[in-house]
Structure formats: C-alpha cells, structure tokens
Amino acid sequence: MLKLGLTGGIGAGKSEVSRILTSLGAVLIDSDRIAREVVEPGTPGLAAVVTEFGPEVLTADGHLDRPKLGGIVFNDPERLSALNAIIHPLVRDRSAELQAAVAPDAVVVHDVPLLAENKLASLYDLVMVVDATPETQLGRLIRLRGMAEDEARARMAAQATRADRLAIADVVIDNNGPIEALEPQITKVWADLVARAVGAEG
C-alpha cells in the first residue's frame, strides 16, 4: 500500500487531480467529506461541537450551521483550536478505518486541504502538491467560484504559503495551465506510484 497525501491551495485544482487519480485506480479518502460526515445529526461529533459552541451553531432542522460556526472560529485561533480538537481525531480515526478496508497493494490518496498547515506530511509515504501561482488561484476563485476579490485574498491568506507547500512536496503537479495539461502529468507519475504500492505490500 502507498499512502499519498494530496494537497494544494484553494483554487489550485486539487479536486480535479484527485478525480484523475481515482479514475486511474487510486482509492480516495477525502478529509473534507469525512469532516462533514462526523458532524452529521445524531453523531457524537456534532454533540461535542454543540457542547463547546452552544446550540446556536445548529440550523432549525438540527444540522450544523457551517457559516455561523465559520464566523465564530475564522478570526479566533483559540476557538479554531477548540474546534480542531474535536474534529481532527474523528477524521483521523475514520480515515484509518477506511484505509484498513482497502487492498494491500492499493494507492490510497488522502485528500487533505490543510496538510501543510497542520504539519501532517510525516503521516504519508509521499506528498503530492498541486501547485498554482497566487495569481492563478485568485483568478479562478473570482471567475469560477464567484468570490469577491477581498474574500478570495482572505481565504488564500488563511492558508499555508505556496513556499510552505512546495517545501513538503515529493511530487509537484503544475496546474497553472489548461486543465487538459493535468492528466499527462499525473499519468506520468502513476506507474511509479503503483510500483511503490506493490513494493510496499504487506
């Protein structure tokens, strides 16, 4: 098995890279998706969040009100740490469960947006960074996601720097060009990933 940590800044194109890797045969473990699952209504995760932040972070139908919670933690490192202390162990445990269920010769892609920020590189056999210039990221956030420039810049500033991400990269996927340029790059490294996974089997 090969554990590949996949990361990239907002607007860099990480989701497209994970889609291509999955199409080639990788098993995807998506940290963002798991982070949503562990705070679904009725879960211990949601109960812990409500205990910490109060019932006002719930919507009328009992789901987590993400915008409201985001407003509480976004500019308050102490409150963000409290939230992370609840969510991260749940995500880690669920990721381990999913990984344990895959074939021993699999390439397992862990899609982790905050891999650099949370210093998680050591958890993976290799780290793949989807790289784009800040100008490229900004343009995509405004054009494709409809963000205002100030909001886009704030979201980018809240993440690790490009240099921080590249410093932990074993494999860099350049996504400054058209989307069609991604697949040849990934296909080129795929055979090596499979060989490493088979070599590490057991």
N, C-alpha and C. Protein backbone atom coordinates (compact mmCIF):
# COMPACT_ATOMS: atom_id res chain seq x y z
N MET A 1 0.84 -1.20 0.00
CA MET A 1 0.00 0.00 0.00
C MET A 1 0.87 1.25 0.00
N LEU A 2 0.43 2.23 -0.77
CA LEU A 2 1.11 3.52 -0.77
C LEU A 2 0.14 4.57 -0.25
N LYS A 3 0.53 5.28 0.79
CA LYS A 3 -0.29 6.36 1.33
C LYS A 3 0.22 7.67 0.75
N LEU A 4 -0.59 8.28 -0.10
CA LEU A 4 -0.22 9.52 -0.78
C LEU A 4 -1.03 10.67 -0.19
N GLY A 5 -0.36 11.64 0.38
CA GLY A 5 -1.03 12.85 0.86
C GLY A 5 -1.14 13.84 -0.27
N LEU A 6 -2.36 14.28 -0.58
CA LEU A 6 -2.60 15.21 -1.67
C LEU A 6 -3.08 16.54 -1.11
N THR A 7 -2.41 17.61 -1.51
CA THR A 7 -2.81 18.93 -1.01
C THR A 7 -2.56 19.99 -2.07
N GLY A 8 -3.03 21.18 -1.78
CA GLY A 8 -2.87 22.31 -2.69
C GLY A 8 -3.69 23.48 -2.17
N GLY A 9 -3.30 24.67 -2.51
CA GLY A 9 -4.02 25.85 -2.06
C GLY A 9 -5.41 25.94 -2.70
N ILE A 10 -6.25 26.73 -2.09
CA ILE A 10 -7.60 26.94 -2.61
C ILE A 10 -7.50 27.48 -4.05
N GLY A 11 -8.25 26.87 -4.95
CA GLY A 11 -8.21 27.30 -6.34
C GLY A 11 -7.07 26.70 -7.15
N ALA A 12 -6.27 25.82 -6.53
CA ALA A 12 -5.14 25.24 -7.26
C ALA A 12 -5.57 24.10 -8.18
N GLY A 13 -6.72 23.48 -7.89
CA GLY A 13 -7.19 22.40 -8.75
C GLY A 13 -7.03 21.01 -8.16
N LYS A 14 -6.95 20.94 -6.84
CA LYS A 14 -6.73 19.65 -6.16
C LYS A 14 -7.86 18.66 -6.43
N SER A 15 -9.09 19.13 -6.50
CA SER A 15 -10.22 18.23 -6.72
C SER A 15 -10.13 17.55 -8.07
N GLU A 16 -9.69 18.28 -9.08
CA GLU A 16 -9.54 17.68 -10.40
C GLU A 16 -8.43 16.64 -10.40
N VAL A 17 -7.35 16.90 -9.69
CA VAL A 17 -6.25 15.93 -9.60
C VAL A 17 -6.73 14.67 -8.89
N SER A 18 -7.49 14.82 -7.81
CA SER A 18 -7.99 13.64 -7.10
C SER A 18 -8.94 12.84 -7.99
N ARG A 19 -9.72 13.54 -8.82
CA ARG A 19 -10.63 12.84 -9.75
C ARG A 19 -9.84 12.01 -10.75
N ILE A 20 -8.76 12.57 -11.28
CA ILE A 20 -7.94 11.84 -12.26
C ILE A 20 -7.27 10.65 -11.59
N LEU A 21 -6.72 10.84 -10.40
CA LEU A 21 -6.08 9.73 -9.68
C LEU A 21 -7.08 8.60 -9.43
N THR A 22 -8.30 8.96 -9.05
CA THR A 22 -9.33 7.94 -8.81
C THR A 22 -9.66 7.20 -10.10
N SER A 23 -9.72 7.93 -11.21
CA SER A 23 -10.04 7.30 -12.50
C SER A 23 -8.95 6.31 -12.92
N LEU A 24 -7.73 6.54 -12.44
CA LEU A 24 -6.62 5.63 -12.76
C LEU A 24 -6.59 4.41 -11.84
N GLY A 25 -7.36 4.46 -10.76
CA GLY A 25 -7.42 3.30 -9.87
C GLY A 25 -7.10 3.56 -8.42
N ALA A 26 -6.80 4.82 -8.07
CA ALA A 26 -6.50 5.13 -6.67
C ALA A 26 -7.76 5.05 -5.82
N VAL A 27 -7.56 4.78 -4.54
CA VAL A 27 -8.65 4.81 -3.55
C VAL A 27 -8.58 6.17 -2.86
N LEU A 28 -9.66 6.94 -2.92
CA LEU A 28 -9.67 8.30 -2.38
C LEU A 28 -10.27 8.32 -0.98
N ILE A 29 -9.53 8.93 -0.05
CA ILE A 29 -10.05 9.21 1.28
C ILE A 29 -10.03 10.74 1.43
N ASP A 30 -11.23 11.33 1.41
CA ASP A 30 -11.40 12.78 1.33
C ASP A 30 -11.64 13.36 2.73
N SER A 31 -10.66 14.06 3.26
CA SER A 31 -10.76 14.58 4.63
C SER A 31 -11.91 15.56 4.79
N ASP A 32 -12.16 16.40 3.80
CA ASP A 32 -13.27 17.36 3.88
C ASP A 32 -14.61 16.63 3.98
N ARG A 33 -14.77 15.59 3.15
CA ARG A 33 -16.02 14.84 3.17
C ARG A 33 -16.20 14.15 4.53
N ILE A 34 -15.13 13.56 5.05
CA ILE A 34 -15.22 12.89 6.35
C ILE A 34 -15.52 13.91 7.45
N ALA A 35 -14.91 15.09 7.35
CA ALA A 35 -15.15 16.14 8.36
C ALA A 35 -16.62 16.54 8.39
N ARG A 36 -17.29 16.46 7.25
CA ARG A 36 -18.73 16.73 7.23
C ARG A 36 -19.52 15.56 7.82
N GLU A 37 -19.08 14.34 7.49
CA GLU A 37 -19.79 13.16 7.97
C GLU A 37 -19.77 13.05 9.49
N VAL A 38 -18.65 13.40 10.11
CA VAL A 38 -18.51 13.17 11.56
C VAL A 38 -19.29 14.18 12.40
N VAL A 39 -19.90 15.18 11.74
CA VAL A 39 -20.77 16.11 12.47
C VAL A 39 -22.19 16.12 11.91
N GLU A 40 -22.58 14.99 11.30
CA GLU A 40 -23.96 14.85 10.86
C GLU A 40 -24.87 14.76 12.09
N PRO A 41 -26.15 15.10 11.95
CA PRO A 41 -27.07 14.98 13.09
C PRO A 41 -27.04 13.58 13.70
N GLY A 42 -27.03 13.54 15.03
CA GLY A 42 -27.02 12.26 15.73
C GLY A 42 -25.64 11.70 16.03
N THR A 43 -24.58 12.35 15.52
CA THR A 43 -23.23 11.84 15.75
C THR A 43 -22.65 12.41 17.04
N PRO A 44 -21.73 11.66 17.67
CA PRO A 44 -21.02 12.20 18.83
C PRO A 44 -20.25 13.47 18.49
N GLY A 45 -19.79 13.57 17.24
CA GLY A 45 -19.04 14.76 16.82
C GLY A 45 -19.88 16.02 16.91
N LEU A 46 -21.11 15.94 16.41
CA LEU A 46 -21.98 17.11 16.45
C LEU A 46 -22.33 17.46 17.90
N ALA A 47 -22.57 16.43 18.72
CA ALA A 47 -22.89 16.68 20.13
C ALA A 47 -21.73 17.42 20.81
N ALA A 48 -20.50 17.03 20.49
CA ALA A 48 -19.33 17.67 21.09
C ALA A 48 -19.19 19.12 20.64
N VAL A 49 -19.49 19.38 19.36
CA VAL A 49 -19.43 20.75 18.84
C VAL A 49 -20.47 21.62 19.54
N VAL A 50 -21.67 21.09 19.72
CA VAL A 50 -22.74 21.86 20.39
C VAL A 50 -22.37 22.12 21.85
N THR A 51 -21.77 21.14 22.51
CA THR A 51 -21.33 21.33 23.89
C THR A 51 -20.31 22.45 23.99
N GLU A 52 -19.42 22.52 22.99
CA GLU A 52 -18.34 23.51 23.00
C GLU A 52 -18.82 24.90 22.58
N PHE A 53 -19.68 24.97 21.56
CA PHE A 53 -20.01 26.26 20.95
C PHE A 53 -21.45 26.71 21.19
N GLY A 54 -22.27 25.82 21.75
CA GLY A 54 -23.65 26.20 22.05
C GLY A 54 -24.61 25.82 20.94
N PRO A 55 -25.91 25.71 21.28
CA PRO A 55 -26.92 25.29 20.29
C PRO A 55 -27.14 26.29 19.16
N GLU A 56 -26.61 27.50 19.31
CA GLU A 56 -26.79 28.48 18.23
C GLU A 56 -26.03 28.12 16.96
N VAL A 57 -25.13 27.12 17.02
CA VAL A 57 -24.43 26.70 15.80
C VAL A 57 -25.22 25.62 15.05
N LEU A 58 -26.45 25.38 15.46
CA LEU A 58 -27.32 24.44 14.74
C LEU A 58 -28.35 25.20 13.91
N THR A 59 -28.72 24.60 12.77
CA THR A 59 -29.83 25.14 11.98
C THR A 59 -31.13 24.68 12.62
N ALA A 60 -32.24 25.17 12.10
CA ALA A 60 -33.55 24.83 12.66
C ALA A 60 -33.84 23.33 12.58
N ASP A 61 -33.27 22.65 11.56
CA ASP A 61 -33.53 21.21 11.42
C ASP A 61 -32.45 20.34 12.07
N GLY A 62 -31.58 20.97 12.88
CA GLY A 62 -30.63 20.19 13.67
C GLY A 62 -29.30 19.88 13.01
N HIS A 63 -29.05 20.45 11.85
CA HIS A 63 -27.75 20.29 11.19
C HIS A 63 -26.78 21.37 11.68
N LEU A 64 -25.50 21.13 11.45
CA LEU A 64 -24.50 22.12 11.80
C LEU A 64 -24.62 23.33 10.86
N ASP A 65 -24.69 24.51 11.43
CA ASP A 65 -24.74 25.75 10.65
C ASP A 65 -23.29 26.17 10.37
N ARG A 66 -22.78 25.72 9.24
CA ARG A 66 -21.36 25.92 8.94
C ARG A 66 -20.97 27.39 8.81
N PRO A 67 -21.76 28.20 8.12
CA PRO A 67 -21.40 29.62 8.05
C PRO A 67 -21.32 30.27 9.43
N LYS A 68 -22.26 29.94 10.30
CA LYS A 68 -22.26 30.54 11.64
C LYS A 68 -21.03 30.09 12.43
N LEU A 69 -20.75 28.78 12.37
CA LEU A 69 -19.57 28.27 13.08
C LEU A 69 -18.29 28.86 12.48
N GLY A 70 -18.26 28.97 11.16
CA GLY A 70 -17.10 29.57 10.50
C GLY A 70 -16.86 31.00 10.95
N GLY A 71 -17.95 31.73 11.13
CA GLY A 71 -17.83 33.11 11.60
C GLY A 71 -17.26 33.20 13.00
N ILE A 72 -17.53 32.19 13.82
CA ILE A 72 -17.02 32.17 15.19
C ILE A 72 -15.52 31.88 15.22
N VAL A 73 -15.09 30.90 14.40
CA VAL A 73 -13.70 30.42 14.52
C VAL A 73 -12.72 31.07 13.55
N PHE A 74 -13.22 31.72 12.49
CA PHE A 74 -12.32 32.13 11.41
C PHE A 74 -11.22 33.07 11.88
N ASN A 75 -11.56 34.04 12.71
CA ASN A 75 -10.56 35.02 13.16
C ASN A 75 -10.21 34.85 14.64
N ASP A 76 -10.47 33.67 15.19
CA ASP A 76 -10.20 33.42 16.61
C ASP A 76 -9.42 32.12 16.74
N PRO A 77 -8.10 32.20 16.78
CA PRO A 77 -7.27 30.98 16.81
C PRO A 77 -7.61 30.05 17.97
N GLU A 78 -7.99 30.62 19.11
CA GLU A 78 -8.31 29.78 20.26
C GLU A 78 -9.57 28.95 20.01
N ARG A 79 -10.60 29.58 19.44
CA ARG A 79 -11.83 28.86 19.14
C ARG A 79 -11.62 27.86 18.00
N LEU A 80 -10.79 28.23 17.05
CA LEU A 80 -10.47 27.30 15.96
C LEU A 80 -9.75 26.06 16.50
N SER A 81 -8.83 26.27 17.44
CA SER A 81 -8.13 25.13 18.06
C SER A 81 -9.10 24.22 18.80
N ALA A 82 -10.09 24.82 19.46
CA ALA A 82 -11.09 24.03 20.17
C ALA A 82 -11.90 23.18 19.19
N LEU A 83 -12.25 23.76 18.05
CA LEU A 83 -12.98 23.01 17.03
C LEU A 83 -12.12 21.88 16.46
N ASN A 84 -10.88 22.21 16.14
CA ASN A 84 -9.98 21.20 15.57
C ASN A 84 -9.74 20.04 16.53
N ALA A 85 -9.71 20.35 17.84
CA ALA A 85 -9.50 19.30 18.84
C ALA A 85 -10.65 18.30 18.85
N ILE A 86 -11.83 18.74 18.42
CA ILE A 86 -12.98 17.83 18.31
C ILE A 86 -12.93 17.08 16.98
N ILE A 87 -12.74 17.82 15.90
CA ILE A 87 -12.91 17.25 14.56
C ILE A 87 -11.74 16.38 14.12
N HIS A 88 -10.52 16.84 14.35
CA HIS A 88 -9.35 16.13 13.79
C HIS A 88 -9.23 14.68 14.25
N PRO A 89 -9.40 14.38 15.56
CA PRO A 89 -9.30 12.97 15.96
C PRO A 89 -10.39 12.10 15.30
N LEU A 90 -11.58 12.64 15.13
CA LEU A 90 -12.67 11.89 14.49
C LEU A 90 -12.34 11.61 13.02
N VAL A 91 -11.80 12.62 12.34
CA VAL A 91 -11.42 12.44 10.94
C VAL A 91 -10.27 11.44 10.82
N ARG A 92 -9.31 11.56 11.71
CA ARG A 92 -8.16 10.64 11.68
C ARG A 92 -8.61 9.19 11.89
N ASP A 93 -9.49 8.98 12.86
CA ASP A 93 -9.95 7.61 13.15
C ASP A 93 -10.76 7.04 11.99
N ARG A 94 -11.64 7.86 11.41
CA ARG A 94 -12.44 7.38 10.28
C ARG A 94 -11.57 7.13 9.06
N SER A 95 -10.57 7.97 8.83
CA SER A 95 -9.64 7.75 7.71
C SER A 95 -8.90 6.43 7.88
N ALA A 96 -8.48 6.14 9.11
CA ALA A 96 -7.77 4.88 9.39
C ALA A 96 -8.68 3.68 9.13
N GLU A 97 -9.95 3.80 9.49
CA GLU A 97 -10.92 2.72 9.23
C GLU A 97 -11.04 2.46 7.73
N LEU A 98 -11.18 3.53 6.97
CA LEU A 98 -11.35 3.40 5.52
C LEU A 98 -10.08 2.81 4.89
N GLN A 99 -8.93 3.26 5.36
CA GLN A 99 -7.67 2.77 4.81
C GLN A 99 -7.49 1.29 5.10
N ALA A 100 -7.90 0.85 6.29
CA ALA A 100 -7.74 -0.55 6.68
C ALA A 100 -8.57 -1.48 5.81
N ALA A 101 -9.59 -0.95 5.16
CA ALA A 101 -10.51 -1.77 4.37
C ALA A 101 -10.08 -1.95 2.92
N VAL A 102 -9.01 -1.27 2.48
CA VAL A 102 -8.62 -1.35 1.07
C VAL A 102 -7.59 -2.45 0.85
N ALA A 103 -7.39 -2.80 -0.42
CA ALA A 103 -6.46 -3.86 -0.79
C ALA A 103 -5.03 -3.50 -0.37
N PRO A 104 -4.24 -4.50 -0.03
CA PRO A 104 -2.88 -4.23 0.46
C PRO A 104 -1.94 -3.62 -0.57
N ASP A 105 -2.29 -3.72 -1.87
CA ASP A 105 -1.42 -3.14 -2.90
C ASP A 105 -2.01 -1.86 -3.49
N ALA A 106 -2.94 -1.24 -2.76
CA ALA A 106 -3.64 -0.05 -3.29
C ALA A 106 -2.79 1.21 -3.17
N VAL A 107 -3.06 2.16 -4.06
CA VAL A 107 -2.58 3.54 -3.91
C VAL A 107 -3.73 4.29 -3.23
N VAL A 108 -3.50 4.70 -1.98
CA VAL A 108 -4.53 5.38 -1.21
C VAL A 108 -4.21 6.86 -1.19
N VAL A 109 -5.10 7.66 -1.77
CA VAL A 109 -4.90 9.11 -1.84
C VAL A 109 -5.69 9.76 -0.70
N HIS A 110 -4.98 10.39 0.20
CA HIS A 110 -5.60 11.15 1.28
C HIS A 110 -5.66 12.61 0.84
N ASP A 111 -6.86 13.08 0.50
CA ASP A 111 -7.07 14.46 0.07
C ASP A 111 -7.18 15.32 1.34
N VAL A 112 -6.12 16.09 1.62
CA VAL A 112 -6.03 16.83 2.89
C VAL A 112 -5.73 18.30 2.59
N PRO A 113 -6.74 19.17 2.56
CA PRO A 113 -6.50 20.57 2.23
C PRO A 113 -5.48 21.25 3.13
N LEU A 114 -5.49 20.95 4.43
CA LEU A 114 -4.62 21.64 5.39
C LEU A 114 -3.42 20.78 5.80
N LEU A 115 -2.94 19.98 4.87
CA LEU A 115 -1.82 19.08 5.18
C LEU A 115 -0.59 19.87 5.62
N ALA A 116 -0.26 20.93 4.90
CA ALA A 116 0.92 21.73 5.26
C ALA A 116 0.69 22.50 6.55
N GLU A 117 -0.51 23.10 6.66
CA GLU A 117 -0.81 23.93 7.83
C GLU A 117 -0.73 23.12 9.13
N ASN A 118 -1.21 21.88 9.07
CA ASN A 118 -1.26 21.05 10.28
C ASN A 118 -0.05 20.13 10.42
N LYS A 119 0.95 20.33 9.53
CA LYS A 119 2.23 19.59 9.61
C LYS A 119 2.00 18.07 9.65
N LEU A 120 1.27 17.59 8.65
CA LEU A 120 0.88 16.18 8.59
C LEU A 120 1.70 15.37 7.59
N ALA A 121 2.70 15.97 6.96
CA ALA A 121 3.42 15.29 5.88
C ALA A 121 4.00 13.95 6.32
N SER A 122 4.42 13.85 7.57
CA SER A 122 5.06 12.63 8.05
C SER A 122 4.11 11.43 8.11
N LEU A 123 2.81 11.67 7.99
CA LEU A 123 1.83 10.58 8.05
C LEU A 123 1.75 9.81 6.74
N TYR A 124 2.37 10.34 5.68
CA TYR A 124 2.20 9.76 4.35
C TYR A 124 3.54 9.30 3.78
N ASP A 125 3.45 8.30 2.87
CA ASP A 125 4.67 7.82 2.22
C ASP A 125 5.21 8.86 1.24
N LEU A 126 4.30 9.55 0.57
CA LEU A 126 4.66 10.62 -0.36
C LEU A 126 3.63 11.73 -0.24
N VAL A 127 4.06 12.96 -0.53
CA VAL A 127 3.14 14.10 -0.57
C VAL A 127 3.13 14.66 -1.99
N MET A 128 1.93 14.77 -2.55
CA MET A 128 1.74 15.38 -3.86
C MET A 128 1.10 16.75 -3.67
N VAL A 129 1.74 17.78 -4.21
CA VAL A 129 1.22 19.14 -4.10
C VAL A 129 0.77 19.61 -5.48
N VAL A 130 -0.49 20.05 -5.55
CA VAL A 130 -1.00 20.67 -6.77
C VAL A 130 -0.64 22.16 -6.67
N ASP A 131 0.18 22.61 -7.58
CA ASP A 131 0.76 23.95 -7.47
C ASP A 131 0.18 24.90 -8.52
N ALA A 132 -0.13 26.10 -8.06
CA ALA A 132 -0.54 27.18 -8.95
C ALA A 132 -0.05 28.49 -8.34
N THR A 133 0.25 29.46 -9.16
CA THR A 133 0.68 30.75 -8.64
C THR A 133 -0.48 31.42 -7.92
N PRO A 134 -0.19 32.31 -6.97
CA PRO A 134 -1.27 33.05 -6.31
C PRO A 134 -2.17 33.80 -7.31
N GLU A 135 -1.58 34.29 -8.39
CA GLU A 135 -2.37 35.00 -9.39
C GLU A 135 -3.37 34.06 -10.07
N THR A 136 -2.92 32.83 -10.36
CA THR A 136 -3.79 31.83 -10.96
C THR A 136 -4.91 31.46 -10.00
N GLN A 137 -4.55 31.23 -8.73
CA GLN A 137 -5.55 30.89 -7.72
C GLN A 137 -6.62 31.99 -7.62
N LEU A 138 -6.15 33.23 -7.51
CA LEU A 138 -7.07 34.36 -7.35
C LEU A 138 -8.03 34.46 -8.53
N GLY A 139 -7.48 34.32 -9.72
CA GLY A 139 -8.32 34.40 -10.92
C GLY A 139 -9.39 33.33 -10.94
N ARG A 140 -9.02 32.11 -10.55
CA ARG A 140 -10.01 31.02 -10.55
C ARG A 140 -11.08 31.25 -9.50
N LEU A 141 -10.69 31.72 -8.31
CA LEU A 141 -11.68 31.93 -7.25
C LEU A 141 -12.70 32.98 -7.64
N ILE A 142 -12.23 34.02 -8.33
CA ILE A 142 -13.14 35.09 -8.76
C ILE A 142 -13.99 34.62 -9.94
N ARG A 143 -13.34 33.96 -10.90
CA ARG A 143 -14.03 33.58 -12.14
C ARG A 143 -14.92 32.35 -11.97
N LEU A 144 -14.39 31.32 -11.29
CA LEU A 144 -15.11 30.04 -11.23
C LEU A 144 -15.99 29.90 -9.99
N ARG A 145 -15.60 30.54 -8.90
CA ARG A 145 -16.40 30.39 -7.68
C ARG A 145 -17.20 31.64 -7.34
N GLY A 146 -17.00 32.69 -8.13
CA GLY A 146 -17.80 33.90 -7.93
C GLY A 146 -17.46 34.67 -6.66
N MET A 147 -16.25 34.49 -6.14
CA MET A 147 -15.86 35.20 -4.93
C MET A 147 -15.49 36.64 -5.25
N ALA A 148 -15.75 37.52 -4.29
CA ALA A 148 -15.23 38.87 -4.38
C ALA A 148 -13.71 38.80 -4.16
N GLU A 149 -12.98 39.74 -4.75
CA GLU A 149 -11.52 39.68 -4.65
C GLU A 149 -11.05 39.71 -3.20
N ASP A 150 -11.65 40.56 -2.35
CA ASP A 150 -11.24 40.64 -0.95
C ASP A 150 -11.44 39.30 -0.24
N GLU A 151 -12.58 38.65 -0.50
CA GLU A 151 -12.85 37.35 0.14
C GLU A 151 -11.85 36.31 -0.33
N ALA A 152 -11.58 36.31 -1.63
CA ALA A 152 -10.64 35.33 -2.18
C ALA A 152 -9.25 35.52 -1.58
N ARG A 153 -8.80 36.76 -1.48
CA ARG A 153 -7.48 37.03 -0.91
C ARG A 153 -7.43 36.62 0.56
N ALA A 154 -8.52 36.84 1.30
CA ALA A 154 -8.56 36.46 2.72
C ALA A 154 -8.47 34.95 2.87
N ARG A 155 -9.19 34.21 2.02
CA ARG A 155 -9.16 32.75 2.08
C ARG A 155 -7.76 32.23 1.76
N MET A 156 -7.12 32.83 0.77
CA MET A 156 -5.77 32.41 0.42
C MET A 156 -4.78 32.72 1.54
N ALA A 157 -4.94 33.91 2.16
CA ALA A 157 -4.02 34.33 3.22
C ALA A 157 -4.13 33.45 4.46
N ALA A 158 -5.30 32.82 4.64
CA ALA A 158 -5.51 31.97 5.81
C ALA A 158 -4.85 30.61 5.66
N GLN A 159 -4.37 30.30 4.46
CA GLN A 159 -3.74 29.00 4.21
C GLN A 159 -2.22 29.13 4.25
N ALA A 160 -1.56 27.98 4.18
CA ALA A 160 -0.09 27.97 4.08
C ALA A 160 0.35 28.71 2.82
N THR A 161 1.58 29.19 2.82
CA THR A 161 2.09 29.85 1.63
C THR A 161 2.44 28.81 0.57
N ARG A 162 2.57 29.27 -0.64
CA ARG A 162 2.99 28.38 -1.73
C ARG A 162 4.33 27.74 -1.39
N ALA A 163 5.25 28.52 -0.84
CA ALA A 163 6.58 28.00 -0.49
C ALA A 163 6.48 26.92 0.58
N ASP A 164 5.59 27.10 1.56
CA ASP A 164 5.41 26.10 2.60
C ASP A 164 4.94 24.77 2.02
N ARG A 165 4.00 24.84 1.08
CA ARG A 165 3.50 23.61 0.47
C ARG A 165 4.59 22.93 -0.36
N LEU A 166 5.28 23.72 -1.16
CA LEU A 166 6.32 23.12 -2.02
C LEU A 166 7.45 22.51 -1.20
N ALA A 167 7.67 23.04 -0.01
CA ALA A 167 8.76 22.52 0.84
C ALA A 167 8.50 21.09 1.30
N ILE A 168 7.23 20.66 1.33
CA ILE A 168 6.93 19.30 1.79
C ILE A 168 6.60 18.36 0.63
N ALA A 169 6.71 18.86 -0.60
CA ALA A 169 6.27 18.08 -1.77
C ALA A 169 7.31 17.06 -2.20
N ASP A 170 6.86 15.82 -2.41
CA ASP A 170 7.66 14.81 -3.09
C ASP A 170 7.36 14.81 -4.58
N VAL A 171 6.11 15.13 -4.91
CA VAL A 171 5.67 15.22 -6.30
C VAL A 171 4.92 16.54 -6.45
N VAL A 172 5.28 17.32 -7.48
CA VAL A 172 4.60 18.59 -7.74
C VAL A 172 3.85 18.47 -9.06
N ILE A 173 2.55 18.77 -9.02
CA ILE A 173 1.74 18.81 -10.24
C ILE A 173 1.49 20.28 -10.56
N ASP A 174 1.99 20.72 -11.70
CA ASP A 174 1.86 22.13 -12.12
C ASP A 174 0.48 22.33 -12.73
N ASN A 175 -0.35 23.14 -12.09
CA ASN A 175 -1.69 23.41 -12.63
C ASN A 175 -1.88 24.90 -12.89
N ASN A 176 -0.90 25.50 -13.53
CA ASN A 176 -1.03 26.88 -13.95
C ASN A 176 -1.62 27.00 -15.35
N GLY A 177 -1.61 25.89 -16.07
CA GLY A 177 -2.09 25.92 -17.45
C GLY A 177 -3.51 25.41 -17.58
N PRO A 178 -3.89 25.01 -18.78
CA PRO A 178 -5.25 24.49 -19.01
C PRO A 178 -5.45 23.15 -18.32
N ILE A 179 -6.69 22.83 -18.05
CA ILE A 179 -7.00 21.60 -17.32
C ILE A 179 -6.53 20.36 -18.08
N GLU A 180 -6.46 20.47 -19.41
CA GLU A 180 -6.02 19.33 -20.22
C GLU A 180 -4.57 18.94 -19.94
N ALA A 181 -3.79 19.87 -19.37
CA ALA A 181 -2.38 19.58 -19.10
C ALA A 181 -2.19 18.75 -17.85
N LEU A 182 -3.24 18.57 -17.06
CA LEU A 182 -3.10 17.82 -15.81
C LEU A 182 -2.92 16.33 -16.02
N GLU A 183 -3.78 15.75 -16.84
CA GLU A 183 -3.80 14.29 -16.96
C GLU A 183 -2.47 13.69 -17.41
N PRO A 184 -1.79 14.28 -18.42
CA PRO A 184 -0.49 13.72 -18.80
C PRO A 184 0.53 13.74 -17.66
N GLN A 185 0.51 14.77 -16.84
CA GLN A 185 1.45 14.83 -15.71
C GLN A 185 1.18 13.72 -14.71
N ILE A 186 -0.11 13.51 -14.41
CA ILE A 186 -0.47 12.51 -13.41
C ILE A 186 -0.24 11.10 -13.94
N THR A 187 -0.59 10.89 -15.21
CA THR A 187 -0.36 9.58 -15.83
C THR A 187 1.12 9.23 -15.80
N LYS A 188 1.96 10.23 -15.96
CA LYS A 188 3.41 10.02 -15.99
C LYS A 188 3.92 9.49 -14.65
N VAL A 189 3.34 9.96 -13.53
CA VAL A 189 3.83 9.51 -12.20
C VAL A 189 3.05 8.31 -11.68
N TRP A 190 1.92 7.98 -12.34
CA TRP A 190 1.05 6.92 -11.82
C TRP A 190 1.76 5.57 -11.74
N ALA A 191 2.50 5.21 -12.79
CA ALA A 191 3.17 3.91 -12.80
C ALA A 191 4.13 3.77 -11.62
N ASP A 192 4.82 4.87 -11.29
CA ASP A 192 5.73 4.86 -10.15
C ASP A 192 4.97 4.67 -8.84
N LEU A 193 3.81 5.32 -8.72
CA LEU A 193 3.00 5.19 -7.51
C LEU A 193 2.54 3.74 -7.33
N VAL A 194 2.09 3.13 -8.44
CA VAL A 194 1.63 1.74 -8.38
C VAL A 194 2.78 0.82 -8.00
N ALA A 195 3.95 1.04 -8.61
CA ALA A 195 5.10 0.21 -8.29
C ALA A 195 5.49 0.31 -6.83
N ARG A 196 5.43 1.51 -6.27
CA ARG A 196 5.73 1.69 -4.86
C ARG A 196 4.71 0.99 -3.98
N ALA A 197 3.44 1.07 -4.39
CA ALA A 197 2.37 0.43 -3.60
C ALA A 197 2.55 -1.07 -3.57
N VAL A 198 2.85 -1.64 -4.72
CA VAL A 198 3.06 -3.10 -4.80
C VAL A 198 4.30 -3.50 -4.01
N GLY A 199 5.35 -2.68 -4.12
CA GLY A 199 6.58 -2.97 -3.39
C GLY A 199 6.41 -2.91 -1.89
N ALA A 200 5.47 -2.06 -1.44
CA ALA A 200 5.24 -1.90 -0.01
C ALA A 200 4.17 -2.85 0.52
N GLU A 201 3.63 -3.70 -0.36
CA GLU A 201 2.53 -4.58 0.04
C GLU A 201 2.91 -5.41 1.25
N GLY A 202 1.99 -5.41 2.20
CA GLY A 202 2.22 -6.17 3.43
C GLY A 202 3.02 -5.38 4.43
